[in-house]
Structures are given as C-alpha cells and as structure tokens.
C-alpha cells in the first residue's frame, strides 16, 4: 500500500458528482425521499482503520451540519 495520499482534481470530482446526480434524478426525479434521517457516524481517527471496530460511534443526521434557512 502506498504512503502517498490519493489525489483527484476538483474537475474529476465535479464530473463524478454530476454523473451520480444525473443518475439519481433520472431514477427518482427532482426530489429524493429519505426513509431514515439518522445514521452512524464514525470519528475521524477511527474512520479508515479497517482492522479495528470503531469504539466511539455517534449518531448523525443528513442535514445536521447545515444551518436552517
């Protein structure tokens, strides 16, 4: 495994998100319904350690980080 971080250009990310969003829009339309509004959140220091089960899980919400309009 390389110790160098993976690098991807913003243009490549923009294209990937655009492809994904176009697929979602074609599949379900302009509005996405979420059946659940909570998810397990893994702390950053445990996020990519695939050899150890996370110990400090938290509960997150999809729009919990956004300010209400």
N, C-alpha and C. Protein backbone atom coordinates (compact mmCIF):
# COMPACT_ATOMS: atom_id res chain seq x y z
N UNK A 1 0.85 -1.18 0.00
CA UNK A 1 0.00 0.00 0.00
C UNK A 1 0.89 1.24 0.00
N UNK A 2 0.56 2.21 -0.83
CA UNK A 2 1.36 3.42 -0.95
C UNK A 2 1.11 4.35 0.23
N UNK A 3 2.17 5.06 0.65
CA UNK A 3 2.01 6.02 1.73
C UNK A 3 1.63 7.40 1.19
N UNK A 4 1.64 7.55 -0.13
CA UNK A 4 1.26 8.82 -0.74
C UNK A 4 -0.26 8.95 -0.73
N UNK A 5 -0.79 10.12 -0.40
CA UNK A 5 -2.25 10.29 -0.43
C UNK A 5 -2.79 10.27 -1.85
N UNK A 6 -3.98 9.75 -1.99
CA UNK A 6 -4.67 9.75 -3.28
C UNK A 6 -5.03 11.19 -3.63
N UNK A 7 -4.74 11.59 -4.84
CA UNK A 7 -5.09 12.94 -5.27
C UNK A 7 -6.02 12.86 -6.46
N UNK A 8 -7.04 13.70 -6.44
CA UNK A 8 -8.01 13.77 -7.53
C UNK A 8 -8.34 15.24 -7.75
N UNK A 9 -8.46 15.62 -9.00
CA UNK A 9 -8.73 17.03 -9.29
C UNK A 9 -10.19 17.38 -8.98
N UNK A 10 -10.42 18.64 -8.73
CA UNK A 10 -11.78 19.12 -8.47
C UNK A 10 -12.65 18.87 -9.71
N UNK A 11 -12.07 19.01 -10.90
CA UNK A 11 -12.83 18.74 -12.13
C UNK A 11 -13.28 17.29 -12.18
N UNK A 12 -12.43 16.35 -11.77
CA UNK A 12 -12.82 14.94 -11.75
C UNK A 12 -13.92 14.69 -10.72
N UNK A 13 -13.80 15.31 -9.56
CA UNK A 13 -14.84 15.18 -8.54
C UNK A 13 -16.17 15.76 -9.04
N UNK A 14 -16.09 16.94 -9.65
CA UNK A 14 -17.29 17.58 -10.17
C UNK A 14 -17.97 16.68 -11.19
N UNK A 15 -17.20 16.07 -12.07
CA UNK A 15 -17.76 15.17 -13.08
C UNK A 15 -18.40 13.95 -12.42
N UNK A 16 -17.73 13.36 -11.43
CA UNK A 16 -18.26 12.18 -10.74
C UNK A 16 -19.57 12.51 -10.04
N UNK A 17 -19.62 13.64 -9.33
CA UNK A 17 -20.86 14.05 -8.66
C UNK A 17 -21.96 14.34 -9.66
N UNK A 18 -21.61 14.96 -10.79
CA UNK A 18 -22.60 15.27 -11.81
C UNK A 18 -23.20 13.99 -12.39
N UNK A 19 -22.35 12.99 -12.67
CA UNK A 19 -22.84 11.71 -13.18
C UNK A 19 -23.77 11.05 -12.17
N UNK A 20 -23.35 11.05 -10.90
CA UNK A 20 -24.17 10.44 -9.85
C UNK A 20 -25.51 11.16 -9.71
N UNK A 21 -25.49 12.49 -9.67
CA UNK A 21 -26.73 13.25 -9.50
C UNK A 21 -27.66 13.12 -10.71
N UNK A 22 -27.11 13.06 -11.90
CA UNK A 22 -27.94 12.85 -13.09
C UNK A 22 -28.61 11.48 -13.03
N UNK A 23 -27.89 10.47 -12.57
CA UNK A 23 -28.46 9.13 -12.43
C UNK A 23 -29.58 9.13 -11.39
N UNK A 24 -29.34 9.77 -10.26
CA UNK A 24 -30.37 9.84 -9.21
C UNK A 24 -31.60 10.56 -9.74
N UNK A 25 -31.39 11.68 -10.41
CA UNK A 25 -32.51 12.45 -10.94
C UNK A 25 -33.30 11.65 -11.98
N UNK A 26 -32.60 10.91 -12.83
CA UNK A 26 -33.28 10.08 -13.83
C UNK A 26 -34.04 8.93 -13.17
N UNK A 27 -33.55 8.45 -12.04
CA UNK A 27 -34.16 7.32 -11.36
C UNK A 27 -35.36 7.71 -10.51
N UNK A 28 -35.25 8.82 -9.78
CA UNK A 28 -36.30 9.17 -8.81
C UNK A 28 -36.90 10.55 -9.01
N UNK A 29 -36.39 11.33 -9.92
CA UNK A 29 -36.93 12.66 -10.15
C UNK A 29 -36.15 13.73 -9.40
N UNK A 30 -36.80 14.87 -9.23
CA UNK A 30 -36.12 16.04 -8.65
C UNK A 30 -36.07 16.04 -7.13
N UNK A 31 -36.79 15.12 -6.50
CA UNK A 31 -36.82 15.06 -5.04
C UNK A 31 -36.47 13.67 -4.58
N UNK A 32 -35.59 13.58 -3.60
CA UNK A 32 -35.18 12.29 -3.04
C UNK A 32 -35.82 12.14 -1.67
N UNK A 33 -36.51 11.03 -1.47
CA UNK A 33 -37.13 10.75 -0.17
C UNK A 33 -36.19 9.88 0.65
N UNK A 34 -35.92 10.30 1.88
CA UNK A 34 -35.08 9.53 2.79
C UNK A 34 -35.99 8.81 3.78
N UNK A 35 -35.88 7.49 3.83
CA UNK A 35 -36.71 6.70 4.74
C UNK A 35 -36.26 6.86 6.19
N UNK A 36 -35.00 7.09 6.39
CA UNK A 36 -34.43 7.26 7.73
C UNK A 36 -33.69 8.60 7.76
N UNK A 37 -33.66 9.24 8.92
CA UNK A 37 -32.96 10.52 8.99
C UNK A 37 -31.78 10.50 9.96
N UNK A 38 -31.38 9.32 10.42
CA UNK A 38 -30.22 9.20 11.30
C UNK A 38 -29.27 8.14 10.74
N UNK A 39 -28.00 8.27 11.05
CA UNK A 39 -27.00 7.29 10.62
C UNK A 39 -25.89 7.23 11.66
N UNK A 40 -25.12 6.15 11.61
CA UNK A 40 -23.97 6.01 12.49
C UNK A 40 -22.83 6.87 11.95
N UNK A 41 -22.22 7.63 12.81
CA UNK A 41 -21.09 8.48 12.45
C UNK A 41 -19.84 7.95 13.15
N UNK A 42 -18.80 7.69 12.36
CA UNK A 42 -17.55 7.16 12.88
C UNK A 42 -16.56 8.32 13.04
N UNK A 43 -15.94 8.48 14.22
CA UNK A 43 -14.97 9.56 14.41
C UNK A 43 -13.81 9.47 13.41
N UNK A 44 -13.29 10.62 13.02
CA UNK A 44 -12.25 10.69 12.01
C UNK A 44 -11.03 9.82 12.28
N UNK A 45 -10.61 9.74 13.55
CA UNK A 45 -9.41 8.97 13.85
C UNK A 45 -9.65 7.46 13.76
N UNK A 46 -10.92 7.04 13.70
CA UNK A 46 -11.24 5.62 13.57
C UNK A 46 -11.81 5.27 12.19
N UNK A 47 -12.06 6.28 11.39
CA UNK A 47 -12.79 6.13 10.14
C UNK A 47 -12.15 5.16 9.15
N UNK A 48 -10.86 5.21 8.97
CA UNK A 48 -10.21 4.40 7.95
C UNK A 48 -9.39 3.24 8.51
N UNK A 49 -9.53 2.96 9.78
CA UNK A 49 -8.85 1.82 10.39
C UNK A 49 -9.77 0.61 10.24
N UNK A 50 -9.59 -0.12 9.13
CA UNK A 50 -10.49 -1.24 8.83
C UNK A 50 -10.16 -2.50 9.62
N UNK A 51 -9.09 -2.46 10.38
CA UNK A 51 -8.66 -3.64 11.15
C UNK A 51 -9.21 -3.64 12.57
N UNK A 52 -9.80 -2.53 13.00
CA UNK A 52 -10.32 -2.41 14.35
C UNK A 52 -11.75 -1.87 14.30
N UNK A 53 -12.65 -2.47 15.06
CA UNK A 53 -14.03 -2.00 15.11
C UNK A 53 -14.08 -0.64 15.82
N UNK A 54 -14.80 0.32 15.27
CA UNK A 54 -14.90 1.64 15.91
C UNK A 54 -15.47 1.53 17.32
N UNK A 55 -14.94 2.31 18.23
CA UNK A 55 -15.37 2.26 19.62
C UNK A 55 -16.23 3.44 20.02
N UNK A 56 -16.13 4.54 19.30
CA UNK A 56 -16.81 5.77 19.71
C UNK A 56 -17.81 6.23 18.65
N UNK A 57 -18.78 5.38 18.34
CA UNK A 57 -19.77 5.75 17.34
C UNK A 57 -20.69 6.85 17.89
N UNK A 58 -21.14 7.70 16.99
CA UNK A 58 -22.10 8.74 17.34
C UNK A 58 -23.25 8.65 16.34
N UNK A 59 -24.31 9.36 16.60
CA UNK A 59 -25.45 9.39 15.68
C UNK A 59 -25.42 10.72 14.95
N UNK A 60 -25.57 10.64 13.63
CA UNK A 60 -25.59 11.85 12.82
C UNK A 60 -26.90 11.97 12.07
N UNK A 61 -27.15 13.15 11.51
CA UNK A 61 -28.31 13.39 10.68
C UNK A 61 -27.85 14.05 9.39
N UNK A 62 -28.48 13.71 8.25
CA UNK A 62 -28.02 14.22 6.96
C UNK A 62 -27.87 15.73 6.89
N UNK A 63 -28.76 16.47 7.53
CA UNK A 63 -28.70 17.91 7.41
C UNK A 63 -28.37 18.57 8.75
N UNK A 64 -27.84 17.79 9.68
CA UNK A 64 -27.48 18.31 10.98
C UNK A 64 -26.37 19.35 10.94
N UNK A 65 -25.57 19.32 9.88
CA UNK A 65 -24.44 20.25 9.76
C UNK A 65 -24.82 21.54 9.07
N UNK A 66 -26.03 21.61 8.53
CA UNK A 66 -26.43 22.79 7.78
C UNK A 66 -27.28 23.71 8.66
N UNK A 67 -27.08 25.00 8.49
CA UNK A 67 -27.91 25.97 9.21
C UNK A 67 -29.29 25.99 8.58
N UNK A 68 -30.32 26.16 9.37
CA UNK A 68 -31.67 26.25 8.82
C UNK A 68 -31.85 27.61 8.15
N UNK A 69 -32.53 27.62 7.03
CA UNK A 69 -32.71 28.89 6.29
C UNK A 69 -33.59 29.88 7.01
